[in-house]
Amino acid sequence: MDIVYRSILKEEITSFMKFIKLSLTDYKAYQRTLSDLDYFLCTENLEDKILDYRQINRWLDRFNNVKPSTKKGKLCHVKKFASYLTTLGIKTSIPELPRIPSDFVPYVFSKDEMAQIFELVDDFMVTSPDSRIAAEFPVLLRILYGCGLRLGEATSLTWNDIDLENGVITVKIAKNNKQRLVPMSDELTRILKLYRSAPCFEMQDHCPLFKLSNGKPRHDGYWKFFNKILCEIRIKNPKTVKNGTRGPCLHSLRHTFTLHSLLKAESEGRTFMETVPFLSTYLGHDALTHTDVYLKARHELYTELHAVIADYTSDVFPEEV
């Protein structure tokens, strides 16, 4: 049953929601937001059709007990509704969207954990000689950990993207459509040369690095395989998101690459100020602020590093006011 709106903007909300239902599969979040806004506007006793920032701020004050991200989401819905009102000639003004500080702390594997992971995944390759994924997975893990690639970037690679002569990967299918060149270590380049030369894989230039028996790229199965490895070495592994956090998973290898790279740079005498801009570009981030979350890790493993990172990030990533 359609919701009946009653405020002075009831007709506009009704027509806007008809548009949203046609354009969005998940329209109910908009419906909840605008139903609540409609109820609030009824209490405002408005004589003219208007939606300004003072009204919106009073409405938002009613959500002080919800998460900041939820509050921001509701404001995003109202902002889109305000844009619709503007096209109808109705005066609107909306407060700025707040910057929500991230409290996400990624799981970063220790060097000992990485050694256990590689030892076990290499054993799977020996004990399961007929399993194609068992043969591919050690190479995939070394690319994820050795280059900090996203899983989708790695599984989309073809041999046309790999320059084994110069040790460079060209990432063509990346987040936000940002292509980039990713240099590899000599050891990873050597491993890829051996991997390509294996006669059982029939690797041609156009072929994906990781493929199904029919030659198409393999995108599924890796998470389940990695979870099995983590269980074997008794690393706690929440399947998805729990209480706003994400446990150890394949994407943790990208975070691990980043922090281990910073540790290596520091041990070689390079400061964070010198390293982070290059590392941010290497990761394919649009801005240094996107690298901020990658400088966090488990305190019990990286206690000494946290003080150094805190001093650095306070200048590079200042809090917005």
C-alpha atoms as a PDB file:
ATOM      1  CA  MET A   1       0.000   0.000   0.000  1.00  0.00           C
ATOM      2  CA  ASP A   2       1.298   3.448  -0.941  1.00  0.00           C
ATOM      3  CA  ILE A   3       2.178   5.809   1.888  1.00  0.00           C
ATOM      4  CA  VAL A   4       0.002   8.902   2.209  1.00  0.00           C
ATOM      5  CA  TYR A   5       1.969  12.097   2.819  1.00  0.00           C
ATOM      6  CA  ARG A   6       0.327  15.025   4.616  1.00  0.00           C
ATOM      7  CA  SER A   7       2.741  17.957   4.785  1.00  0.00           C
ATOM      8  CA  ILE A   8       2.719  21.073   2.629  1.00  0.00           C
ATOM      9  CA  LEU A   9       5.166  19.225   0.328  1.00  0.00           C
ATOM     10  CA  LYS A  10       3.046  16.065   0.119  1.00  0.00           C
ATOM     11  CA  GLU A  11       2.462  16.331  -3.634  1.00  0.00           C
ATOM     12  CA  GLU A  12       6.163  16.855  -4.352  1.00  0.00           C
ATOM     13  CA  ILE A  13       7.204  13.961  -2.088  1.00  0.00           C
ATOM     14  CA  THR A  14       4.644  11.696  -3.758  1.00  0.00           C
ATOM     15  CA  SER A  15       5.827  12.529  -7.287  1.00  0.00           C
ATOM     16  CA  PHE A  16       9.488  12.284  -6.268  1.00  0.00           C
ATOM     17  CA  MET A  17       8.944   8.831  -4.743  1.00  0.00           C
ATOM     18  CA  LYS A  18       7.276   7.637  -7.960  1.00  0.00           C
ATOM     19  CA  PHE A  19      10.462   8.616  -9.793  1.00  0.00           C
ATOM     20  CA  ILE A  20      12.673   6.941  -7.178  1.00  0.00           C
ATOM     21  CA  LYS A  21      10.691   3.699  -7.389  1.00  0.00           C
ATOM     22  CA  LEU A  22      11.239   3.617 -11.151  1.00  0.00           C
ATOM     23  CA  SER A  23      14.972   4.346 -10.968  1.00  0.00           C
ATOM     24  CA  LEU A  24      16.082   2.500  -7.830  1.00  0.00           C
ATOM     25  CA  THR A  25      15.495  -1.090  -6.793  1.00  0.00           C
ATOM     26  CA  ASP A  26      16.157  -0.276  -3.142  1.00  0.00           C
ATOM     27  CA  TYR A  27      13.879   2.725  -2.732  1.00  0.00           C
ATOM     28  CA  LYS A  28      12.640   1.957   0.774  1.00  0.00           C
ATOM     29  CA  ALA A  29      15.454   3.889   2.455  1.00  0.00           C
ATOM     30  CA  TYR A  30      14.255   7.015   0.632  1.00  0.00           C
ATOM     31  CA  GLN A  31      10.691   6.164   1.627  1.00  0.00           C
ATOM     32  CA  ARG A  32      11.600   5.933   5.309  1.00  0.00           C
ATOM     33  CA  THR A  33      13.549   9.192   5.224  1.00  0.00           C
ATOM     34  CA  LEU A  34      10.914  11.214   3.393  1.00  0.00           C
ATOM     35  CA  SER A  35       8.067   9.772   5.467  1.00  0.00           C
ATOM     36  CA  ASP A  36       9.820  10.997   8.580  1.00  0.00           C
ATOM     37  CA  LEU A  37      10.588  14.365   6.963  1.00  0.00           C
ATOM     38  CA  ASP A  38       6.926  14.677   5.927  1.00  0.00           C
ATOM     39  CA  TYR A  39       5.808  14.047   9.520  1.00  0.00           C
ATOM     40  CA  PHE A  40       8.275  16.655  10.773  1.00  0.00           C
ATOM     41  CA  LEU A  41       7.127  19.262   8.240  1.00  0.00           C
ATOM     42  CA  CYS A  42       3.555  18.793   9.448  1.00  0.00           C
ATOM     43  CA  THR A  43       4.684  20.043  12.870  1.00  0.00           C
ATOM     44  CA  GLU A  44       6.313  23.112  11.331  1.00  0.00           C
ATOM     45  CA  ASN A  45       2.954  24.653  10.294  1.00  0.00           C
ATOM     46  CA  LEU A  46       4.429  26.056   7.074  1.00  0.00           C
ATOM     47  CA  GLU A  47       2.422  28.480   4.994  1.00  0.00           C
ATOM     48  CA  ASP A  48       4.722  28.412   1.942  1.00  0.00           C
ATOM     49  CA  LYS A  49       6.413  25.574   0.114  1.00  0.00           C
ATOM     50  CA  ILE A  50      10.046  25.880   1.138  1.00  0.00           C
ATOM     51  CA  LEU A  51      12.813  23.592   2.382  1.00  0.00           C
ATOM     52  CA  ASP A  52      15.773  25.362   3.953  1.00  0.00           C
ATOM     53  CA  TYR A  53      18.785  24.379   6.021  1.00  0.00           C
ATOM     54  CA  ARG A  54      17.245  25.602   9.300  1.00  0.00           C
ATOM     55  CA  GLN A  55      14.333  23.202   8.913  1.00  0.00           C
ATOM     56  CA  ILE A  56      16.658  20.378   7.943  1.00  0.00           C
ATOM     57  CA  ASN A  57      18.935  20.981  10.926  1.00  0.00           C
ATOM     58  CA  ARG A  58      15.953  20.892  13.294  1.00  0.00           C
ATOM     59  CA  TRP A  59      14.836  17.652  11.663  1.00  0.00           C
ATOM     60  CA  LEU A  60      18.341  16.136  11.900  1.00  0.00           C
ATOM     61  CA  ASP A  61      18.564  17.025  15.601  1.00  0.00           C
ATOM     62  CA  ARG A  62      15.984  14.310  16.190  1.00  0.00           C
ATOM     63  CA  PHE A  63      18.543  11.685  15.147  1.00  0.00           C
ATOM     64  CA  ASN A  64      21.241  12.333  17.726  1.00  0.00           C
ATOM     65  CA  ASN A  65      21.136   8.723  18.914  1.00  0.00           C
ATOM     66  CA  VAL A  66      21.885   7.176  15.512  1.00  0.00           C
ATOM     67  CA  LYS A  67      25.244   6.540  13.902  1.00  0.00           C
ATOM     68  CA  PRO A  68      26.802   9.539  12.092  1.00  0.00           C
ATOM     69  CA  SER A  69      26.855   7.508   8.879  1.00  0.00           C
ATOM     70  CA  THR A  70      23.088   6.884   9.172  1.00  0.00           C
ATOM     71  CA  LYS A  71      22.483  10.582   9.727  1.00  0.00           C
ATOM     72  CA  LYS A  72      24.592  11.416   6.687  1.00  0.00           C
ATOM     73  CA  GLY A  73      22.648   8.888   4.596  1.00  0.00           C
ATOM     74  CA  LYS A  74      19.343  10.537   5.491  1.00  0.00           C
ATOM     75  CA  LEU A  75      20.765  13.938   4.574  1.00  0.00           C
ATOM     76  CA  CYS A  76      21.875  12.525   1.188  1.00  0.00           C
ATOM     77  CA  HIS A  77      18.275  11.450   0.516  1.00  0.00           C
ATOM     78  CA  VAL A  78      16.942  14.887   1.416  1.00  0.00           C
ATOM     79  CA  LYS A  79      19.612  16.565  -0.696  1.00  0.00           C
ATOM     80  CA  LYS A  80      18.417  14.661  -3.759  1.00  0.00           C
ATOM     81  CA  PHE A  81      14.824  15.547  -2.937  1.00  0.00           C
ATOM     82  CA  ALA A  82      15.854  19.203  -2.623  1.00  0.00           C
ATOM     83  CA  SER A  83      17.401  19.073  -6.094  1.00  0.00           C
ATOM     84  CA  TYR A  84      14.069  17.796  -7.393  1.00  0.00           C
ATOM     85  CA  LEU A  85      12.234  20.650  -5.641  1.00  0.00           C
ATOM     86  CA  THR A  86      14.587  23.158  -7.260  1.00  0.00           C
ATOM     87  CA  THR A  87      13.570  21.943 -10.722  1.00  0.00           C
ATOM     88  CA  LEU A  88       9.970  22.739  -9.722  1.00  0.00           C
ATOM     89  CA  GLY A  89      10.892  26.282  -8.746  1.00  0.00           C
ATOM     90  CA  ILE A  90      10.665  25.666  -4.984  1.00  0.00           C
ATOM     91  CA  LYS A  91      13.293  27.450  -2.898  1.00  0.00           C
ATOM     92  CA  THR A  92      15.675  25.094  -1.057  1.00  0.00           C
ATOM     93  CA  SER A  93      18.892  25.234   0.910  1.00  0.00           C
ATOM     94  CA  ILE A  94      20.595  22.206   2.444  1.00  0.00           C
ATOM     95  CA  PRO A  95      23.365  22.027   5.078  1.00  0.00           C
ATOM     96  CA  GLU A  96      26.720  20.641   3.980  1.00  0.00           C
ATOM     97  CA  LEU A  97      27.193  16.887   4.189  1.00  0.00           C
ATOM     98  CA  PRO A  98      29.339  16.140   7.253  1.00  0.00           C
ATOM     99  CA  ARG A  99      32.642  14.308   6.972  1.00  0.00           C
ATOM    100  CA  ILE A 100      32.283  11.083   8.908  1.00  0.00           C
ATOM    101  CA  PRO A 101      35.580  10.038  10.533  1.00  0.00           C
ATOM    102  CA  SER A 102      36.296   6.377   9.941  1.00  0.00           C
ATOM    103  CA  ASP A 103      36.721   4.149  12.988  1.00  0.00           C
ATOM    104  CA  PHE A 104      37.514   1.148  10.797  1.00  0.00           C
ATOM    105  CA  VAL A 105      40.734  -0.634  11.758  1.00  0.00           C
ATOM    106  CA  PRO A 106      41.816  -3.150   9.092  1.00  0.00           C
ATOM    107  CA  TYR A 107      43.248  -6.524   9.938  1.00  0.00           C
ATOM    108  CA  VAL A 108      46.952  -6.523   9.073  1.00  0.00           C
ATOM    109  CA  PHE A 109      48.710  -9.871   9.052  1.00  0.00           C
ATOM    110  CA  SER A 110      51.979 -10.151  10.940  1.00  0.00           C
ATOM    111  CA  LYS A 111      55.057 -11.381   9.080  1.00  0.00           C
ATOM    112  CA  ASP A 112      54.792 -14.657  10.966  1.00  0.00           C
ATOM    113  CA  GLU A 113      51.167 -15.081   9.880  1.00  0.00           C
ATOM    114  CA  MET A 114      52.116 -14.356   6.271  1.00  0.00           C
ATOM    115  CA  ALA A 115      54.850 -17.000   6.452  1.00  0.00           C
ATOM    116  CA  GLN A 116      52.311 -19.551   7.729  1.00  0.00           C
ATOM    117  CA  ILE A 117      49.820 -18.609   5.018  1.00  0.00           C
ATOM    118  CA  PHE A 118      52.355 -19.047   2.216  1.00  0.00           C
ATOM    119  CA  GLU A 119      53.640 -22.315   3.670  1.00  0.00           C
ATOM    120  CA  LEU A 120      50.145 -23.768   3.826  1.00  0.00           C
ATOM    121  CA  VAL A 121      49.028 -22.548   0.401  1.00  0.00           C
ATOM    122  CA  ASP A 122      52.186 -23.998  -1.160  1.00  0.00           C
ATOM    123  CA  ASP A 123      51.429 -27.317   0.557  1.00  0.00           C
ATOM    124  CA  PHE A 124      47.953 -27.332  -0.978  1.00  0.00           C
ATOM    125  CA  MET A 125      49.553 -27.052  -4.403  1.00  0.00           C
ATOM    126  CA  VAL A 126      51.625 -30.182  -3.700  1.00  0.00           C
ATOM    127  CA  THR A 127      48.875 -32.225  -2.043  1.00  0.00           C
ATOM    128  CA  SER A 128      46.224 -31.301  -4.643  1.00  0.00           C
ATOM    129  CA  PRO A 129      48.076 -31.582  -7.981  1.00  0.00           C
ATOM    130  CA  ASP A 130      44.821 -31.917  -9.949  1.00  0.00           C
ATOM    131  CA  SER A 131      43.263 -28.773  -8.511  1.00  0.00           C
ATOM    132  CA  ARG A 132      43.697 -25.779 -10.780  1.00  0.00           C
ATOM    133  CA  ILE A 133      42.767 -23.278  -8.063  1.00  0.00           C
ATOM    134  CA  ALA A 134      45.339 -24.839  -5.713  1.00  0.00           C
ATOM    135  CA  ALA A 135      47.998 -24.195  -8.374  1.00  0.00           C
ATOM    136  CA  GLU A 136      46.814 -20.630  -9.070  1.00  0.00           C
ATOM    137  CA  PHE A 137      46.282 -19.490  -5.525  1.00  0.00           C
ATOM    138  CA  PRO A 138      49.936 -19.263  -4.401  1.00  0.00           C
ATOM    139  CA  VAL A 139      50.600 -16.941  -7.359  1.00  0.00           C
ATOM    140  CA  LEU A 140      47.482 -14.862  -6.721  1.00  0.00           C
ATOM    141  CA  LEU A 141      48.376 -14.400  -3.042  1.00  0.00           C
ATOM    142  CA  ARG A 142      51.887 -13.274  -3.932  1.00  0.00           C
ATOM    143  CA  ILE A 143      50.492 -10.677  -6.338  1.00  0.00           C
ATOM    144  CA  LEU A 144      48.013  -9.394  -3.745  1.00  0.00           C
ATOM    145  CA  TYR A 145      50.620  -9.216  -1.004  1.00  0.00           C
ATOM    146  CA  GLY A 146      53.573  -8.230  -3.195  1.00  0.00           C
ATOM    147  CA  CYS A 147      51.794  -5.463  -5.156  1.00  0.00           C
ATOM    148  CA  GLY A 148      48.858  -4.447  -2.974  1.00  0.00           C
ATOM    149  CA  LEU A 149      46.352  -5.054  -5.769  1.00  0.00           C
ATOM    150  CA  ARG A 150      42.640  -5.346  -5.116  1.00  0.00           C
ATOM    151  CA  LEU A 151      41.314  -8.855  -5.735  1.00  0.00           C
ATOM    152  CA  GLY A 152      39.237  -7.730  -8.728  1.00  0.00           C
ATOM    153  CA  GLU A 153      42.272  -6.020 -10.268  1.00  0.00           C
ATOM    154  CA  ALA A 154      44.340  -9.191  -9.954  1.00  0.00           C
ATOM    155  CA  THR A 155      41.705 -11.608 -11.272  1.00  0.00           C
ATOM    156  CA  SER A 156      41.096  -9.351 -14.298  1.00  0.00           C
ATOM    157  CA  LEU A 157      44.740  -9.460 -15.431  1.00  0.00           C
ATOM    158  CA  THR A 158      45.723 -11.063 -18.737  1.00  0.00           C
ATOM    159  CA  TRP A 159      49.244 -11.833 -19.861  1.00  0.00           C
ATOM    160  CA  ASN A 160      49.045  -8.797 -22.142  1.00  0.00           C
ATOM    161  CA  ASP A 161      49.055  -6.769 -18.912  1.00  0.00           C
ATOM    162  CA  ILE A 162      52.259  -8.361 -17.607  1.00  0.00           C
ATOM    163  CA  ASP A 163      55.641  -7.071 -18.751  1.00  0.00           C
ATOM    164  CA  LEU A 164      57.946  -9.877 -17.622  1.00  0.00           C
ATOM    165  CA  GLU A 165      60.943  -8.201 -19.260  1.00  0.00           C
ATOM    166  CA  ASN A 166      60.729  -5.084 -17.091  1.00  0.00           C
ATOM    167  CA  GLY A 167      58.759  -6.497 -14.175  1.00  0.00           C
ATOM    168  CA  VAL A 168      55.719  -4.217 -14.496  1.00  0.00           C
ATOM    169  CA  ILE A 169      51.974  -4.913 -14.236  1.00  0.00           C
ATOM    170  CA  THR A 170      49.519  -2.674 -16.090  1.00  0.00           C
ATOM    171  CA  VAL A 171      46.278  -2.488 -14.127  1.00  0.00           C
ATOM    172  CA  LYS A 172      43.605  -1.654 -16.704  1.00  0.00           C
ATOM    173  CA  ILE A 173      40.465  -2.645 -14.799  1.00  0.00           C
ATOM    174  CA  ALA A 174      40.665  -0.686 -11.557  1.00  0.00           C
ATOM    175  CA  LYS A 175      38.429   1.149  -9.119  1.00  0.00           C
ATOM    176  CA  ASN A 176      37.148   4.489 -10.476  1.00  0.00           C
ATOM    177  CA  ASN A 177      38.525   3.469 -13.910  1.00  0.00           C
ATOM    178  CA  LYS A 178      42.034   4.589 -12.933  1.00  0.00           C
ATOM    179  CA  GLN A 179      44.657   2.653 -14.859  1.00  0.00           C
ATOM    180  CA  ARG A 180      48.149   2.482 -13.400  1.00  0.00           C
ATOM    181  CA  LEU A 181      51.568   0.832 -13.730  1.00  0.00           C
ATOM    182  CA  VAL A 182      52.644  -1.376 -10.833  1.00  0.00           C
ATOM    183  CA  PRO A 183      56.323  -2.412 -10.616  1.00  0.00           C
ATOM    184  CA  MET A 184      56.974  -5.897  -9.241  1.00  0.00           C
ATOM    185  CA  SER A 185      59.857  -7.224  -7.186  1.00  0.00           C
ATOM    186  CA  ASP A 186      62.447  -9.377  -8.952  1.00  0.00           C
ATOM    187  CA  GLU A 187      61.250 -12.415  -6.998  1.00  0.00           C
ATOM    188  CA  LEU A 188      57.601 -11.964  -8.007  1.00  0.00           C
ATOM    189  CA  THR A 189      58.653 -11.458 -11.624  1.00  0.00           C
ATOM    190  CA  ARG A 190      60.627 -14.712 -11.452  1.00  0.00           C
ATOM    191  CA  ILE A 191      57.615 -16.554 -10.004  1.00  0.00           C
ATOM    192  CA  LEU A 192      55.343 -15.263 -12.769  1.00  0.00           C
ATOM    193  CA  LYS A 193      57.830 -16.393 -15.405  1.00  0.00           C
ATOM    194  CA  LEU A 194      57.777 -19.909 -13.938  1.00  0.00           C
ATOM    195  CA  TYR A 195      53.990 -19.827 -13.664  1.00  0.00           C
ATOM    196  CA  ARG A 196      53.564 -18.840 -17.300  1.00  0.00           C
ATOM    197  CA  SER A 197      56.009 -21.469 -18.539  1.00  0.00           C
ATOM    198  CA  ALA A 198      54.042 -24.326 -16.913  1.00  0.00           C
ATOM    199  CA  PRO A 199      52.803 -26.425 -19.870  1.00  0.00           C
ATOM    200  CA  CYS A 200      49.568 -27.450 -18.151  1.00  0.00           C
ATOM    201  CA  PHE A 201      48.203 -23.882 -18.135  1.00  0.00           C
ATOM    202  CA  GLU A 202      48.525 -23.071 -21.873  1.00  0.00           C
ATOM    203  CA  MET A 203      49.213 -19.393 -21.267  1.00  0.00           C
ATOM    204  CA  GLN A 204      48.772 -17.196 -24.355  1.00  0.00           C
ATOM    205  CA  ASP A 205      49.079 -13.397 -24.396  1.00  0.00           C
ATOM    206  CA  HIS A 206      45.314 -12.857 -24.385  1.00  0.00           C
ATOM    207  CA  CYS A 207      44.671 -15.437 -21.645  1.00  0.00           C
ATOM    208  CA  PRO A 208      43.729 -14.460 -18.072  1.00  0.00           C
ATOM    209  CA  LEU A 209      46.363 -15.234 -15.448  1.00  0.00           C
ATOM    210  CA  PHE A 210      43.724 -17.031 -13.411  1.00  0.00           C
ATOM    211  CA  LYS A 211      41.171 -18.877 -15.491  1.00  0.00           C
ATOM    212  CA  LEU A 212      38.587 -21.606 -15.477  1.00  0.00           C
ATOM    213  CA  SER A 213      38.932 -24.736 -17.583  1.00  0.00           C
ATOM    214  CA  ASN A 214      36.879 -23.014 -20.312  1.00  0.00           C
ATOM    215  CA  GLY A 215      39.427 -20.196 -20.528  1.00  0.00           C
ATOM    216  CA  LYS A 216      37.281 -17.508 -18.893  1.00  0.00           C
ATOM    217  CA  PRO A 217      38.639 -15.484 -15.944  1.00  0.00           C
ATOM    218  CA  ARG A 218      38.098 -17.029 -12.525  1.00  0.00           C
ATOM    219  CA  HIS A 219      36.489 -14.570 -10.107  1.00  0.00           C
ATOM    220  CA  ASP A 220      34.845 -16.890  -7.569  1.00  0.00           C
ATOM    221  CA  GLY A 221      36.113 -19.449  -5.093  1.00  0.00           C
ATOM    222  CA  TYR A 222      39.109 -17.549  -3.744  1.00  0.00           C
ATOM    223  CA  TRP A 223      37.452 -16.224  -0.595  1.00  0.00           C
ATOM    224  CA  LYS A 224      36.294 -19.711   0.416  1.00  0.00           C
ATOM    225  CA  PHE A 225      39.740 -21.137  -0.285  1.00  0.00           C
ATOM    226  CA  PHE A 226      41.422 -18.401   1.772  1.00  0.00           C
ATOM    227  CA  ASN A 227      38.994 -18.901   4.670  1.00  0.00           C
ATOM    228  CA  LYS A 228      39.999 -22.554   4.718  1.00  0.00           C
ATOM    229  CA  ILE A 229      43.653 -21.558   4.998  1.00  0.00           C
ATOM    230  CA  LEU A 230      42.937 -19.124   7.845  1.00  0.00           C
ATOM    231  CA  CYS A 231      41.032 -21.827   9.724  1.00  0.00           C
ATOM    232  CA  GLU A 232      43.949 -24.212   9.278  1.00  0.00           C
ATOM    233  CA  ILE A 233      46.358 -21.811  10.961  1.00  0.00           C
ATOM    234  CA  ARG A 234      43.720 -20.790  13.531  1.00  0.00           C
ATOM    235  CA  ILE A 235      43.327 -17.159  12.599  1.00  0.00           C
ATOM    236  CA  LYS A 236      39.873 -15.950  13.603  1.00  0.00           C
ATOM    237  CA  ASN A 237      37.939 -15.147  10.461  1.00  0.00           C
ATOM    238  CA  PRO A 238      34.523 -13.445  10.681  1.00  0.00           C
ATOM    239  CA  LYS A 239      32.860 -14.120   7.331  1.00  0.00           C
ATOM    240  CA  THR A 240      31.765 -10.562   6.606  1.00  0.00           C
ATOM    241  CA  VAL A 241      31.064  -7.530   8.767  1.00  0.00           C
ATOM    242  CA  LYS A 242      30.466  -7.797  12.497  1.00  0.00           C
ATOM    243  CA  ASN A 243      29.859  -4.803  14.749  1.00  0.00           C
ATOM    244  CA  GLY A 244      31.165  -2.428  12.096  1.00  0.00           C
ATOM    245  CA  THR A 245      34.501  -4.221  11.695  1.00  0.00           C
ATOM    246  CA  ARG A 246      35.903  -6.625   9.144  1.00  0.00           C
ATOM    247  CA  GLY A 247      38.159  -9.471  10.148  1.00  0.00           C
ATOM    248  CA  PRO A 248      41.013 -11.076   8.233  1.00  0.00           C
ATOM    249  CA  CYS A 249      40.169 -11.657   4.573  1.00  0.00           C
ATOM    250  CA  LEU A 250      41.739 -11.416   1.124  1.00  0.00           C
ATOM    251  CA  HIS A 251      41.449  -7.607   1.089  1.00  0.00           C
ATOM    252  CA  SER A 252      43.537  -7.583   4.284  1.00  0.00           C
ATOM    253  CA  LEU A 253      46.522  -8.455   2.087  1.00  0.00           C
ATOM    254  CA  ARG A 254      46.287  -4.988   0.489  1.00  0.00           C
ATOM    255  CA  HIS A 255      46.387  -3.377   3.932  1.00  0.00           C
ATOM    256  CA  THR A 256      49.220  -5.692   4.944  1.00  0.00           C
ATOM    257  CA  PHE A 257      51.234  -4.763   1.841  1.00  0.00           C
ATOM    258  CA  THR A 258      50.801  -1.064   2.652  1.00  0.00           C
ATOM    259  CA  LEU A 259      51.889  -1.224   6.279  1.00  0.00           C
ATOM    260  CA  HIS A 260      54.742  -3.641   5.625  1.00  0.00           C
ATOM    261  CA  SER A 261      55.954  -1.352   2.817  1.00  0.00           C
ATOM    262  CA  LEU A 262      55.977   1.597   5.215  1.00  0.00           C
ATOM    263  CA  LEU A 263      57.874  -0.427   7.808  1.00  0.00           C
ATOM    264  CA  LYS A 264      60.430  -1.444   5.183  1.00  0.00           C
ATOM    265  CA  ALA A 265      60.854   2.148   4.007  1.00  0.00           C
ATOM    266  CA  GLU A 266      61.355   3.354   7.568  1.00  0.00           C
ATOM    267  CA  SER A 267      63.955   0.646   8.243  1.00  0.00           C
ATOM    268  CA  GLU A 268      65.835   1.828   5.146  1.00  0.00           C
ATOM    269  CA  GLY A 269      65.895   5.413   6.384  1.00  0.00           C
ATOM    270  CA  ARG A 270      63.057   6.895   4.321  1.00  0.00           C
ATOM    271  CA  THR A 271      60.536   9.006   6.223  1.00  0.00           C
ATOM    272  CA  PHE A 272      56.774   8.590   6.012  1.00  0.00           C
ATOM    273  CA  MET A 273      56.609  12.025   4.390  1.00  0.00           C
ATOM    274  CA  GLU A 274      58.791  10.726   1.558  1.00  0.00           C
ATOM    275  CA  THR A 275      57.060   7.349   1.210  1.00  0.00           C
ATOM    276  CA  VAL A 276      53.299   7.880   1.546  1.00  0.00           C
ATOM    277  CA  PRO A 277      52.721  10.023  -1.607  1.00  0.00           C
ATOM    278  CA  PHE A 278      54.420   7.412  -3.796  1.00  0.00           C
ATOM    279  CA  LEU A 279      52.637   4.562  -2.013  1.00  0.00           C
ATOM    280  CA  SER A 280      49.278   6.304  -2.438  1.00  0.00           C
ATOM    281  CA  THR A 281      49.872   6.553  -6.194  1.00  0.00           C
ATOM    282  CA  TYR A 282      51.064   2.927  -6.314  1.00  0.00           C
ATOM    283  CA  LEU A 283      47.811   1.814  -4.660  1.00  0.00           C
ATOM    284  CA  GLY A 284      45.728   3.788  -7.160  1.00  0.00           C
ATOM    285  CA  HIS A 285      44.219   6.196  -4.647  1.00  0.00           C
ATOM    286  CA  ASP A 286      42.737   9.468  -5.883  1.00  0.00           C
ATOM    287  CA  ALA A 287      44.066  11.423  -2.909  1.00  0.00           C
ATOM    288  CA  LEU A 288      46.330  11.013   0.106  1.00  0.00           C
ATOM    289  CA  THR A 289      43.286  11.036   2.382  1.00  0.00           C
ATOM    290  CA  HIS A 290      42.207   7.705   0.849  1.00  0.00           C
ATOM    291  CA  THR A 291      45.448   6.180   2.148  1.00  0.00           C
ATOM    292  CA  ASP A 292      44.676   7.259   5.718  1.00  0.00           C
ATOM    293  CA  VAL A 293      42.820   4.073   6.666  1.00  0.00           C
ATOM    294  CA  TYR A 294      45.710   1.972   5.351  1.00  0.00           C
ATOM    295  CA  LEU A 295      47.984   3.421   8.048  1.00  0.00           C
ATOM    296  CA  LYS A 296      45.989   1.733  10.805  1.00  0.00           C
ATOM    297  CA  ALA A 297      46.635  -1.711  12.207  1.00  0.00           C
ATOM    298  CA  ARG A 298      46.219  -3.890  15.248  1.00  0.00           C
ATOM    299  CA  HIS A 299      47.753  -2.106  18.230  1.00  0.00           C
ATOM    300  CA  GLU A 300      48.958  -5.294  19.894  1.00  0.00           C
ATOM    301  CA  LEU A 301      51.227  -6.060  16.926  1.00  0.00           C
ATOM    302  CA  TYR A 302      52.391  -2.595  15.901  1.00  0.00           C
ATOM    303  CA  THR A 303      52.531  -0.652  19.193  1.00  0.00           C
ATOM    304  CA  GLU A 304      55.720   1.289  18.473  1.00  0.00           C
ATOM    305  CA  LEU A 305      54.623   2.178  14.950  1.00  0.00           C
ATOM    306  CA  HIS A 306      51.352   3.759  16.074  1.00  0.00           C
ATOM    307  CA  ALA A 307      53.087   6.690  17.767  1.00  0.00           C
ATOM    308  CA  VAL A 308      55.104   7.408  14.616  1.00  0.00           C
ATOM    309  CA  ILE A 309      52.045   7.159  12.356  1.00  0.00           C
ATOM    310  CA  ALA A 310      49.964   9.346  14.696  1.00  0.00           C
ATOM    311  CA  ASP A 311      52.555  12.125  14.534  1.00  0.00           C
ATOM    312  CA  TYR A 312      52.700  11.877  10.758  1.00  0.00           C
ATOM    313  CA  THR A 313      48.975  11.684  10.028  1.00  0.00           C
ATOM    314  CA  SER A 314      48.126  14.601  12.305  1.00  0.00           C
ATOM    315  CA  ASP A 315      49.774  16.895   9.738  1.00  0.00           C
ATOM    316  CA  VAL A 316      49.019  15.047   6.515  1.00  0.00           C
ATOM    317  CA  PHE A 317      45.404  14.109   7.312  1.00  0.00           C
ATOM    318  CA  PRO A 318      44.122  16.901   9.622  1.00  0.00           C
ATOM    319  CA  GLU A 319      40.580  16.642  10.974  1.00  0.00           C
ATOM    320  CA  GLU A 320      38.079  18.814   9.121  1.00  0.00           C
ATOM    321  CA  VAL A 321      36.221  21.439  11.143  1.00  0.00           C
END
